[in-house]
Each structure stands twice: as structure tokens, then as C-alpha cells.
Amino acid sequence: VGEISGGTKYGTLKMYDGVTITGATNNNYFGGAVIVAGGGTFEMNG
């Protein structure tokens, strides 16, 4: 969500009850499930 590598990329993620994010495995760096960077917002309601 948003811009990771410079500049600005606007975006919003919202998450609610009943949603499951699972099993995501990265080899390196940042954010196994979600990465929120410049211009980005994440709202976790459930």
C-alpha cells in the first residue's frame, strides 16, 4: 500500500471482520503480510 521505492503513490487498504490473511512468507526485507509506505494508509477494523 503506497510507494515503497521513492516518490508518492497514494492508496488505502481497509480490513474487516471475517477476513483472514495467512501463509505469506517473504525471504527478506519488510512486511510478511502487509507493507504500508509513503502516501499509503492501512485501517484494520477487524
ModelCIF file with pLDDT and N, C-alpha, C, O atoms, coordinates in Angstrom:
data_MODEL
#
_entry.id   MODEL 
#
_entity.id                         1 
_entity.type                       polymer 
_entity.pdbx_number_of_molecules   1 
#
_entity_poly.entity_id                      1 
_entity_poly.type                           'polypeptide(L)' 
_entity_poly.nstd_linkage                   no 
_entity_poly.nstd_monomer                   no 
_entity_poly.pdbx_seq_one_letter_code       VGEISGGTKYGTLKMYDGVTITGATNNNYFGGAVIVAGGGTFEMNG 
_entity_poly.pdbx_seq_one_letter_code_can   VGEISGGTKYGTLKMYDGVTITGATNNNYFGGAVIVAGGGTFEMNG 
_entity_poly.pdbx_strand_id                 A 
#
loop_
_entity_poly_seq.entity_id 
_entity_poly_seq.num 
_entity_poly_seq.mon_id 
_entity_poly_seq.hetero 
1 1  VAL n 
1 2  GLY n 
1 3  GLU n 
1 4  ILE n 
1 5  SER n 
1 6  GLY n 
1 7  GLY n 
1 8  THR n 
1 9  LYS n 
1 10 TYR n 
1 11 GLY n 
1 12 THR n 
1 13 LEU n 
1 14 LYS n 
1 15 MET n 
1 16 TYR n 
1 17 ASP n 
1 18 GLY n 
1 19 VAL n 
1 20 THR n 
1 21 ILE n 
1 22 THR n 
1 23 GLY n 
1 24 ALA n 
1 25 THR n 
1 26 ASN n 
1 27 ASN n 
1 28 ASN n 
1 29 TYR n 
1 30 PHE n 
1 31 GLY n 
1 32 GLY n 
1 33 ALA n 
1 34 VAL n 
1 35 ILE n 
1 36 VAL n 
1 37 ALA n 
1 38 GLY n 
1 39 GLY n 
1 40 GLY n 
1 41 THR n 
1 42 PHE n 
1 43 GLU n 
1 44 MET n 
1 45 ASN n 
1 46 GLY n 
#
_struct_asym.id          A 
_struct_asym.entity_id   1 
#
loop_
_ma_qa_metric.id 
_ma_qa_metric.mode 
_ma_qa_metric.name 
_ma_qa_metric.software_group_id 
_ma_qa_metric.type 
1 global pLDDT . pLDDT 
2 local  pLDDT . pLDDT 
#
_ma_qa_metric_global.metric_id      1 
_ma_qa_metric_global.metric_value   89.17 
_ma_qa_metric_global.model_id       1 
_ma_qa_metric_global.ordinal_id     1 
#
loop_
_ma_qa_metric_local.label_asym_id 
_ma_qa_metric_local.label_comp_id 
_ma_qa_metric_local.label_seq_id 
_ma_qa_metric_local.metric_id 
_ma_qa_metric_local.metric_value 
_ma_qa_metric_local.model_id 
_ma_qa_metric_local.ordinal_id 
A VAL 1  2 93.00 1 1  
A GLY 2  2 89.00 1 2  
A GLU 3  2 84.00 1 3  
A ILE 4  2 76.00 1 4  
A SER 5  2 70.00 1 5  
A GLY 6  2 65.00 1 6  
A GLY 7  2 67.00 1 7  
A THR 8  2 72.00 1 8  
A LYS 9  2 83.00 1 9  
A TYR 10 2 89.00 1 10 
A GLY 11 2 94.00 1 11 
A THR 12 2 96.00 1 12 
A LEU 13 2 97.00 1 13 
A LYS 14 2 98.00 1 14 
A MET 15 2 98.00 1 15 
A TYR 16 2 97.00 1 16 
A ASP 17 2 97.00 1 17 
A GLY 18 2 97.00 1 18 
A VAL 19 2 98.00 1 19 
A THR 20 2 98.00 1 20 
A ILE 21 2 97.00 1 21 
A THR 22 2 96.00 1 22 
A GLY 23 2 92.00 1 23 
A ALA 24 2 91.00 1 24 
A THR 25 2 86.00 1 25 
A ASN 26 2 81.00 1 26 
A ASN 27 2 74.00 1 27 
A ASN 28 2 70.00 1 28 
A TYR 29 2 76.00 1 29 
A PHE 30 2 85.00 1 30 
A GLY 31 2 89.00 1 31 
A GLY 32 2 91.00 1 32 
A ALA 33 2 94.00 1 33 
A VAL 34 2 95.00 1 34 
A ILE 35 2 94.00 1 35 
A VAL 36 2 94.00 1 36 
A ALA 37 2 90.00 1 37 
A GLY 38 2 85.00 1 38 
A GLY 39 2 87.00 1 39 
A GLY 40 2 93.00 1 40 
A THR 41 2 96.00 1 41 
A PHE 42 2 98.00 1 42 
A GLU 43 2 98.00 1 43 
A MET 44 2 98.00 1 44 
A ASN 45 2 97.00 1 45 
A GLY 46 2 97.00 1 46 
#
loop_
_atom_site.group_PDB 
_atom_site.id 
_atom_site.type_symbol 
_atom_site.label_atom_id 
_atom_site.label_alt_id 
_atom_site.label_comp_id 
_atom_site.label_asym_id 
_atom_site.label_entity_id 
_atom_site.label_seq_id 
_atom_site.pdbx_PDB_ins_code 
_atom_site.Cartn_x 
_atom_site.Cartn_y 
_atom_site.Cartn_z 
_atom_site.occupancy 
_atom_site.B_iso_or_equiv 
_atom_site.pdbx_formal_charge 
_atom_site.auth_seq_id 
_atom_site.auth_comp_id 
_atom_site.auth_asym_id 
_atom_site.auth_atom_id 
_atom_site.pdbx_PDB_model_num 
ATOM 1   N N  . VAL A 1 1  ? 0.856   -1.182  0.000  1.00 93.00 ? 1  VAL A N  1 
ATOM 2   C CA . VAL A 1 1  ? 0.000   0.000   0.000  1.00 93.00 ? 1  VAL A CA 1 
ATOM 3   C C  . VAL A 1 1  ? 0.895   1.237   0.000  1.00 93.00 ? 1  VAL A C  1 
ATOM 4   O O  . VAL A 1 1  ? 1.741   1.382   0.882  1.00 93.00 ? 1  VAL A O  1 
ATOM 5   N N  . GLY A 1 2  ? 0.722   2.129   -0.976 1.00 89.00 ? 2  GLY A N  1 
ATOM 6   C CA . GLY A 1 2  ? 1.554   3.315   -1.056 1.00 89.00 ? 2  GLY A CA 1 
ATOM 7   C C  . GLY A 1 2  ? 2.816   3.065   -1.863 1.00 89.00 ? 2  GLY A C  1 
ATOM 8   O O  . GLY A 1 2  ? 2.912   2.087   -2.604 1.00 89.00 ? 2  GLY A O  1 
ATOM 9   N N  . GLU A 1 3  ? 3.782   3.963   -1.708 1.00 84.00 ? 3  GLU A N  1 
ATOM 10  C CA . GLU A 1 3  ? 5.005   3.935   -2.506 1.00 84.00 ? 3  GLU A CA 1 
ATOM 11  C C  . GLU A 1 3  ? 6.187   3.497   -1.658 1.00 84.00 ? 3  GLU A C  1 
ATOM 12  O O  . GLU A 1 3  ? 6.478   4.107   -0.629 1.00 84.00 ? 3  GLU A O  1 
ATOM 13  N N  . ILE A 1 4  ? 6.861   2.451   -2.081 1.00 76.00 ? 4  ILE A N  1 
ATOM 14  C CA . ILE A 1 4  ? 7.991   1.918   -1.337 1.00 76.00 ? 4  ILE A CA 1 
ATOM 15  C C  . ILE A 1 4  ? 9.304   2.533   -1.796 1.00 76.00 ? 4  ILE A C  1 
ATOM 16  O O  . ILE A 1 4  ? 10.155  2.855   -0.967 1.00 76.00 ? 4  ILE A O  1 
ATOM 17  N N  . SER A 1 5  ? 9.481   2.699   -3.083 1.00 70.00 ? 5  SER A N  1 
ATOM 18  C CA . SER A 1 5  ? 10.812  2.970   -3.627 1.00 70.00 ? 5  SER A CA 1 
ATOM 19  C C  . SER A 1 5  ? 11.025  4.408   -4.071 1.00 70.00 ? 5  SER A C  1 
ATOM 20  O O  . SER A 1 5  ? 11.836  4.657   -4.963 1.00 70.00 ? 5  SER A O  1 
ATOM 21  N N  . GLY A 1 6  ? 10.323  5.353   -3.479 1.00 65.00 ? 6  GLY A N  1 
ATOM 22  C CA . GLY A 1 6  ? 10.540  6.756   -3.810 1.00 65.00 ? 6  GLY A CA 1 
ATOM 23  C C  . GLY A 1 6  ? 9.321   7.377   -4.479 1.00 65.00 ? 6  GLY A C  1 
ATOM 24  O O  . GLY A 1 6  ? 8.511   6.676   -5.085 1.00 65.00 ? 6  GLY A O  1 
ATOM 25  N N  . GLY A 1 7  ? 9.196   8.695   -4.366 1.00 67.00 ? 7  GLY A N  1 
ATOM 26  C CA . GLY A 1 7  ? 8.030   9.365   -4.929 1.00 67.00 ? 7  GLY A CA 1 
ATOM 27  C C  . GLY A 1 7  ? 6.821   9.192   -4.034 1.00 67.00 ? 7  GLY A C  1 
ATOM 28  O O  . GLY A 1 7  ? 6.962   8.904   -2.845 1.00 67.00 ? 7  GLY A O  1 
ATOM 29  N N  . THR A 1 8  ? 5.645   9.363   -4.588 1.00 72.00 ? 8  THR A N  1 
ATOM 30  C CA . THR A 1 8  ? 4.409   9.228   -3.828 1.00 72.00 ? 8  THR A CA 1 
ATOM 31  C C  . THR A 1 8  ? 3.409   8.404   -4.611 1.00 72.00 ? 8  THR A C  1 
ATOM 32  O O  . THR A 1 8  ? 3.148   8.676   -5.783 1.00 72.00 ? 8  THR A O  1 
ATOM 33  N N  . LYS A 1 9  ? 2.859   7.409   -3.971 1.00 83.00 ? 9  LYS A N  1 
ATOM 34  C CA . LYS A 1 9  ? 1.803   6.605   -4.572 1.00 83.00 ? 9  LYS A CA 1 
ATOM 35  C C  . LYS A 1 9  ? 0.696   6.488   -3.536 1.00 83.00 ? 9  LYS A C  1 
ATOM 36  O O  . LYS A 1 9  ? 0.871   5.813   -2.521 1.00 83.00 ? 9  LYS A O  1 
ATOM 37  N N  . TYR A 1 10 ? -0.424  7.126   -3.771 1.00 89.00 ? 10 TYR A N  1 
ATOM 38  C CA . TYR A 1 10 ? -1.497  7.187   -2.792 1.00 89.00 ? 10 TYR A CA 1 
ATOM 39  C C  . TYR A 1 10 ? -2.345  5.919   -2.842 1.00 89.00 ? 10 TYR A C  1 
ATOM 40  O O  . TYR A 1 10 ? -2.641  5.407   -3.921 1.00 89.00 ? 10 TYR A O  1 
ATOM 41  N N  . GLY A 1 11 ? -2.733  5.416   -1.675 1.00 94.00 ? 11 GLY A N  1 
ATOM 42  C CA . GLY A 1 11 ? -3.595  4.246   -1.631 1.00 94.00 ? 11 GLY A CA 1 
ATOM 43  C C  . GLY A 1 11 ? -4.062  3.965   -0.218 1.00 94.00 ? 11 GLY A C  1 
ATOM 44  O O  . GLY A 1 11 ? -3.377  4.304   0.747  1.00 94.00 ? 11 GLY A O  1 
ATOM 45  N N  . THR A 1 12 ? -5.240  3.339   -0.092 1.00 96.00 ? 12 THR A N  1 
ATOM 46  C CA . THR A 1 12 ? -5.807  3.000   1.209  1.00 96.00 ? 12 THR A CA 1 
ATOM 47  C C  . THR A 1 12 ? -6.290  1.561   1.200  1.00 96.00 ? 12 THR A C  1 
ATOM 48  O O  . THR A 1 12 ? -6.966  1.128   0.267  1.00 96.00 ? 12 THR A O  1 
ATOM 49  N N  . LEU A 1 13 ? -5.934  0.816   2.258  1.00 97.00 ? 13 LEU A N  1 
ATOM 50  C CA . LEU A 1 13 ? -6.420  -0.540  2.461  1.00 97.00 ? 13 LEU A CA 1 
ATOM 51  C C  . LEU A 1 13 ? -7.236  -0.562  3.740  1.00 97.00 ? 13 LEU A C  1 
ATOM 52  O O  . LEU A 1 13 ? -6.803  -0.035  4.765  1.00 97.00 ? 13 LEU A O  1 
ATOM 53  N N  . LYS A 1 14 ? -8.440  -1.182  3.689  1.00 98.00 ? 14 LYS A N  1 
ATOM 54  C CA . LYS A 1 14 ? -9.272  -1.351  4.869  1.00 98.00 ? 14 LYS A CA 1 
ATOM 55  C C  . LYS A 1 14 ? -9.617  -2.833  5.014  1.00 98.00 ? 14 LYS A C  1 
ATOM 56  O O  . LYS A 1 14 ? -9.871  -3.529  4.031  1.00 98.00 ? 14 LYS A O  1 
ATOM 57  N N  . MET A 1 15 ? -9.619  -3.293  6.258  1.00 98.00 ? 15 MET A N  1 
ATOM 58  C CA . MET A 1 15 ? -9.841  -4.716  6.535  1.00 98.00 ? 15 MET A CA 1 
ATOM 59  C C  . MET A 1 15 ? -10.871 -4.871  7.640  1.00 98.00 ? 15 MET A C  1 
ATOM 60  O O  . MET A 1 15 ? -10.850 -4.126  8.620  1.00 98.00 ? 15 MET A O  1 
ATOM 61  N N  . TYR A 1 16 ? -11.783 -5.845  7.485  1.00 97.00 ? 16 TYR A N  1 
ATOM 62  C CA . TYR A 1 16 ? -12.888 -6.012  8.419  1.00 97.00 ? 16 TYR A CA 1 
ATOM 63  C C  . TYR A 1 16 ? -12.979 -7.451  8.940  1.00 97.00 ? 16 TYR A C  1 
ATOM 64  O O  . TYR A 1 16 ? -12.255 -8.340  8.492  1.00 97.00 ? 16 TYR A O  1 
ATOM 65  N N  . ASP A 1 17 ? -13.888 -7.652  9.898  1.00 97.00 ? 17 ASP A N  1 
ATOM 66  C CA . ASP A 1 17 ? -14.101 -8.968  10.474 1.00 97.00 ? 17 ASP A CA 1 
ATOM 67  C C  . ASP A 1 17 ? -14.444 -9.982  9.386  1.00 97.00 ? 17 ASP A C  1 
ATOM 68  O O  . ASP A 1 17 ? -15.053 -9.655  8.367  1.00 97.00 ? 17 ASP A O  1 
ATOM 69  N N  . GLY A 1 18 ? -14.035 -11.214 9.637  1.00 97.00 ? 18 GLY A N  1 
ATOM 70  C CA . GLY A 1 18 ? -14.303 -12.282 8.688  1.00 97.00 ? 18 GLY A CA 1 
ATOM 71  C C  . GLY A 1 18 ? -13.202 -12.485 7.669  1.00 97.00 ? 18 GLY A C  1 
ATOM 72  O O  . GLY A 1 18 ? -13.240 -13.442 6.896  1.00 97.00 ? 18 GLY A O  1 
ATOM 73  N N  . VAL A 1 19 ? -12.217 -11.590 7.659  1.00 98.00 ? 19 VAL A N  1 
ATOM 74  C CA . VAL A 1 19 ? -11.112 -11.691 6.706  1.00 98.00 ? 19 VAL A CA 1 
ATOM 75  C C  . VAL A 1 19 ? -9.892  -12.278 7.408  1.00 98.00 ? 19 VAL A C  1 
ATOM 76  O O  . VAL A 1 19 ? -9.545  -11.863 8.513  1.00 98.00 ? 19 VAL A O  1 
ATOM 77  N N  . THR A 1 20 ? -9.250  -13.236 6.769  1.00 98.00 ? 20 THR A N  1 
ATOM 78  C CA . THR A 1 20 ? -8.004  -13.813 7.270  1.00 98.00 ? 20 THR A CA 1 
ATOM 79  C C  . THR A 1 20 ? -6.942  -13.715 6.190  1.00 98.00 ? 20 THR A C  1 
ATOM 80  O O  . THR A 1 20 ? -7.140  -14.183 5.069  1.00 98.00 ? 20 THR A O  1 
ATOM 81  N N  . ILE A 1 21 ? -5.812  -13.105 6.529  1.00 97.00 ? 21 ILE A N  1 
ATOM 82  C CA . ILE A 1 21 ? -4.640  -13.085 5.654  1.00 97.00 ? 21 ILE A CA 1 
ATOM 83  C C  . ILE A 1 21 ? -3.622  -14.023 6.270  1.00 97.00 ? 21 ILE A C  1 
ATOM 84  O O  . ILE A 1 21 ? -3.232  -13.838 7.423  1.00 97.00 ? 21 ILE A O  1 
ATOM 85  N N  . THR A 1 22 ? -3.182  -15.032 5.518  1.00 96.00 ? 22 THR A N  1 
ATOM 86  C CA . THR A 1 22 ? -2.343  -16.060 6.115  1.00 96.00 ? 22 THR A CA 1 
ATOM 87  C C  . THR A 1 22 ? -1.362  -16.647 5.111  1.00 96.00 ? 22 THR A C  1 
ATOM 88  O O  . THR A 1 22 ? -1.569  -16.571 3.900  1.00 96.00 ? 22 THR A O  1 
ATOM 89  N N  . GLY A 1 23 ? -0.289  -17.234 5.637  1.00 92.00 ? 23 GLY A N  1 
ATOM 90  C CA . GLY A 1 23 ? 0.618   -18.035 4.825  1.00 92.00 ? 23 GLY A CA 1 
ATOM 91  C C  . GLY A 1 23 ? 1.607   -17.281 3.963  1.00 92.00 ? 23 GLY A C  1 
ATOM 92  O O  . GLY A 1 23 ? 2.357   -17.905 3.212  1.00 92.00 ? 23 GLY A O  1 
ATOM 93  N N  . ALA A 1 24 ? 1.638   -15.953 4.045  1.00 91.00 ? 24 ALA A N  1 
ATOM 94  C CA . ALA A 1 24 ? 2.567   -15.180 3.214  1.00 91.00 ? 24 ALA A CA 1 
ATOM 95  C C  . ALA A 1 24 ? 3.939   -15.158 3.880  1.00 91.00 ? 24 ALA A C  1 
ATOM 96  O O  . ALA A 1 24 ? 4.069   -14.709 5.019  1.00 91.00 ? 24 ALA A O  1 
ATOM 97  N N  . THR A 1 25 ? 4.953   -15.636 3.182  1.00 86.00 ? 25 THR A N  1 
ATOM 98  C CA . THR A 1 25 ? 6.307   -15.683 3.721  1.00 86.00 ? 25 THR A CA 1 
ATOM 99  C C  . THR A 1 25 ? 7.282   -15.090 2.726  1.00 86.00 ? 25 THR A C  1 
ATOM 100 O O  . THR A 1 25 ? 7.448   -15.615 1.624  1.00 86.00 ? 25 THR A O  1 
ATOM 101 N N  . ASN A 1 26 ? 7.930   -13.995 3.108  1.00 81.00 ? 26 ASN A N  1 
ATOM 102 C CA . ASN A 1 26 ? 8.966   -13.394 2.270  1.00 81.00 ? 26 ASN A CA 1 
ATOM 103 C C  . ASN A 1 26 ? 10.333  -13.916 2.682  1.00 81.00 ? 26 ASN A C  1 
ATOM 104 O O  . ASN A 1 26 ? 10.514  -14.406 3.797  1.00 81.00 ? 26 ASN A O  1 
ATOM 105 N N  . ASN A 1 27 ? 11.291  -13.804 1.771  1.00 74.00 ? 27 ASN A N  1 
ATOM 106 C CA . ASN A 1 27 ? 12.647  -14.245 2.059  1.00 74.00 ? 27 ASN A CA 1 
ATOM 107 C C  . ASN A 1 27 ? 13.477  -13.165 2.729  1.00 74.00 ? 27 ASN A C  1 
ATOM 108 O O  . ASN A 1 27 ? 14.512  -13.473 3.320  1.00 74.00 ? 27 ASN A O  1 
ATOM 109 N N  . ASN A 1 28 ? 13.059  -11.915 2.655  1.00 70.00 ? 28 ASN A N  1 
ATOM 110 C CA . ASN A 1 28 ? 13.930  -10.828 3.078  1.00 70.00 ? 28 ASN A CA 1 
ATOM 111 C C  . ASN A 1 28 ? 13.115  -9.548  3.230  1.00 70.00 ? 28 ASN A C  1 
ATOM 112 O O  . ASN A 1 28 ? 11.972  -9.467  2.781  1.00 70.00 ? 28 ASN A O  1 
ATOM 113 N N  . TYR A 1 29 ? 13.708  -8.570  3.856  1.00 76.00 ? 29 TYR A N  1 
ATOM 114 C CA . TYR A 1 29 ? 13.226  -7.202  3.911  1.00 76.00 ? 29 TYR A CA 1 
ATOM 115 C C  . TYR A 1 29 ? 12.003  -6.996  4.786  1.00 76.00 ? 29 TYR A C  1 
ATOM 116 O O  . TYR A 1 29 ? 12.028  -7.370  5.959  1.00 76.00 ? 29 TYR A O  1 
ATOM 117 N N  . PHE A 1 30 ? 10.919  -6.407  4.252  1.00 85.00 ? 30 PHE A N  1 
ATOM 118 C CA . PHE A 1 30 ? 9.892   -5.776  5.071  1.00 85.00 ? 30 PHE A CA 1 
ATOM 119 C C  . PHE A 1 30 ? 8.506   -6.361  4.800  1.00 85.00 ? 30 PHE A C  1 
ATOM 120 O O  . PHE A 1 30 ? 8.148   -6.619  3.651  1.00 85.00 ? 30 PHE A O  1 
ATOM 121 N N  . GLY A 1 31 ? 7.731   -6.568  5.868  1.00 89.00 ? 31 GLY A N  1 
ATOM 122 C CA . GLY A 1 31 ? 6.312   -6.836  5.741  1.00 89.00 ? 31 GLY A CA 1 
ATOM 123 C C  . GLY A 1 31 ? 5.967   -8.211  5.208  1.00 89.00 ? 31 GLY A C  1 
ATOM 124 O O  . GLY A 1 31 ? 5.818   -8.390  4.000  1.00 89.00 ? 31 GLY A O  1 
ATOM 125 N N  . GLY A 1 32 ? 5.838   -9.199  6.113  1.00 91.00 ? 32 GLY A N  1 
ATOM 126 C CA . GLY A 1 32 ? 5.439   -10.515 5.659  1.00 91.00 ? 32 GLY A CA 1 
ATOM 127 C C  . GLY A 1 32 ? 4.064   -10.520 5.024  1.00 91.00 ? 32 GLY A C  1 
ATOM 128 O O  . GLY A 1 32 ? 3.868   -11.141 3.980  1.00 91.00 ? 32 GLY A O  1 
ATOM 129 N N  . ALA A 1 33 ? 3.096   -9.829  5.644  1.00 94.00 ? 33 ALA A N  1 
ATOM 130 C CA . ALA A 1 33 ? 1.733   -9.786  5.112  1.00 94.00 ? 33 ALA A CA 1 
ATOM 131 C C  . ALA A 1 33 ? 1.447   -8.466  4.405  1.00 94.00 ? 33 ALA A C  1 
ATOM 132 O O  . ALA A 1 33 ? 1.018   -8.459  3.252  1.00 94.00 ? 33 ALA A O  1 
ATOM 133 N N  . VAL A 1 34 ? 1.687   -7.332  5.102  1.00 95.00 ? 34 VAL A N  1 
ATOM 134 C CA . VAL A 1 34 ? 1.314   -6.015  4.559  1.00 95.00 ? 34 VAL A CA 1 
ATOM 135 C C  . VAL A 1 34 ? 2.471   -5.052  4.770  1.00 95.00 ? 34 VAL A C  1 
ATOM 136 O O  . VAL A 1 34 ? 3.071   -5.024  5.845  1.00 95.00 ? 34 VAL A O  1 
ATOM 137 N N  . ILE A 1 35 ? 2.790   -4.259  3.744  1.00 94.00 ? 35 ILE A N  1 
ATOM 138 C CA . ILE A 1 35 ? 3.729   -3.158  3.889  1.00 94.00 ? 35 ILE A CA 1 
ATOM 139 C C  . ILE A 1 35 ? 3.009   -1.872  3.508  1.00 94.00 ? 35 ILE A C  1 
ATOM 140 O O  . ILE A 1 35 ? 2.385   -1.785  2.450  1.00 94.00 ? 35 ILE A O  1 
ATOM 141 N N  . VAL A 1 36 ? 3.105   -0.867  4.391  1.00 94.00 ? 36 VAL A N  1 
ATOM 142 C CA . VAL A 1 36 ? 2.445   0.418   4.187  1.00 94.00 ? 36 VAL A CA 1 
ATOM 143 C C  . VAL A 1 36 ? 3.536   1.478   4.115  1.00 94.00 ? 36 VAL A C  1 
ATOM 144 O O  . VAL A 1 36 ? 4.291   1.659   5.070  1.00 94.00 ? 36 VAL A O  1 
ATOM 145 N N  . ALA A 1 37 ? 3.621   2.176   2.991  1.00 90.00 ? 37 ALA A N  1 
ATOM 146 C CA . ALA A 1 37 ? 4.708   3.132   2.780  1.00 90.00 ? 37 ALA A CA 1 
ATOM 147 C C  . ALA A 1 37 ? 4.148   4.497   2.441  1.00 90.00 ? 37 ALA A C  1 
ATOM 148 O O  . ALA A 1 37 ? 2.947   4.728   2.578  1.00 90.00 ? 37 ALA A O  1 
ATOM 149 N N  . GLY A 1 38 ? 5.016   5.415   1.994  1.00 85.00 ? 38 GLY A N  1 
ATOM 150 C CA . GLY A 1 38 ? 4.647   6.803   1.767  1.00 85.00 ? 38 GLY A CA 1 
ATOM 151 C C  . GLY A 1 38 ? 3.403   6.971   0.913  1.00 85.00 ? 38 GLY A C  1 
ATOM 152 O O  . GLY A 1 38 ? 3.279   6.363   -0.150 1.00 85.00 ? 38 GLY A O  1 
ATOM 153 N N  . GLY A 1 39 ? 2.475   7.808   1.391  1.00 87.00 ? 39 GLY A N  1 
ATOM 154 C CA . GLY A 1 39 ? 1.223   8.026   0.678  1.00 87.00 ? 39 GLY A CA 1 
ATOM 155 C C  . GLY A 1 39 ? 0.184   6.960   0.929  1.00 87.00 ? 39 GLY A C  1 
ATOM 156 O O  . GLY A 1 39 ? -0.943  7.082   0.449  1.00 87.00 ? 39 GLY A O  1 
ATOM 157 N N  . GLY A 1 40 ? 0.531   5.902   1.678  1.00 93.00 ? 40 GLY A N  1 
ATOM 158 C CA . GLY A 1 40 ? -0.378  4.796   1.906  1.00 93.00 ? 40 GLY A CA 1 
ATOM 159 C C  . GLY A 1 40 ? -0.919  4.775   3.324  1.00 93.00 ? 40 GLY A C  1 
ATOM 160 O O  . GLY A 1 40 ? -0.237  5.191   4.261  1.00 93.00 ? 40 GLY A O  1 
ATOM 161 N N  . THR A 1 41 ? -2.147  4.289   3.484  1.00 96.00 ? 41 THR A N  1 
ATOM 162 C CA . THR A 1 41 ? -2.757  4.108   4.795  1.00 96.00 ? 41 THR A CA 1 
ATOM 163 C C  . THR A 1 41 ? -3.413  2.737   4.864  1.00 96.00 ? 41 THR A C  1 
ATOM 164 O O  . THR A 1 41 ? -3.944  2.236   3.873  1.00 96.00 ? 41 THR A O  1 
ATOM 165 N N  . PHE A 1 42 ? -3.367  2.140   6.050  1.00 98.00 ? 42 PHE A N  1 
ATOM 166 C CA . PHE A 1 42 ? -3.980  0.837   6.306  1.00 98.00 ? 42 PHE A CA 1 
ATOM 167 C C  . PHE A 1 42 ? -4.832  0.971   7.548  1.00 98.00 ? 42 PHE A C  1 
ATOM 168 O O  . PHE A 1 42 ? -4.350  1.389   8.601  1.00 98.00 ? 42 PHE A O  1 
ATOM 169 N N  . GLU A 1 43 ? -6.115  0.614   7.424  1.00 98.00 ? 43 GLU A N  1 
ATOM 170 C CA . GLU A 1 43 ? -7.066  0.686   8.531  1.00 98.00 ? 43 GLU A CA 1 
ATOM 171 C C  . GLU A 1 43 ? -7.571  -0.721  8.817  1.00 98.00 ? 43 GLU A C  1 
ATOM 172 O O  . GLU A 1 43 ? -8.281  -1.311  8.004  1.00 98.00 ? 43 GLU A O  1 
ATOM 173 N N  . MET A 1 44 ? -7.202  -1.253  9.972  1.00 98.00 ? 44 MET A N  1 
ATOM 174 C CA . MET A 1 44 ? -7.601  -2.606  10.349 1.00 98.00 ? 44 MET A CA 1 
ATOM 175 C C  . MET A 1 44 ? -8.716  -2.522  11.378 1.00 98.00 ? 44 MET A C  1 
ATOM 176 O O  . MET A 1 44 ? -8.481  -2.211  12.546 1.00 98.00 ? 44 MET A O  1 
ATOM 177 N N  . ASN A 1 45 ? -9.937  -2.806  10.925 1.00 97.00 ? 45 ASN A N  1 
ATOM 178 C CA . ASN A 1 45 ? -11.111 -2.743  11.787 1.00 97.00 ? 45 ASN A CA 1 
ATOM 179 C C  . ASN A 1 45 ? -11.470 -4.096  12.384 1.00 97.00 ? 45 ASN A C  1 
ATOM 180 O O  . ASN A 1 45 ? -12.262 -4.166  13.324 1.00 97.00 ? 45 ASN A O  1 
ATOM 181 N N  . GLY A 1 46 ? -10.910 -5.150  11.862 1.00 97.00 ? 46 GLY A N  1 
ATOM 182 C CA . GLY A 1 46 ? -11.185 -6.495  12.327 1.00 97.00 ? 46 GLY A CA 1 
ATOM 183 C C  . GLY A 1 46 ? -10.443 -7.485  11.459 1.00 97.00 ? 46 GLY A C  1 
ATOM 184 O O  . GLY A 1 46 ? -10.537 -8.692  11.681 1.00 97.00 ? 46 GLY A O  1 
#
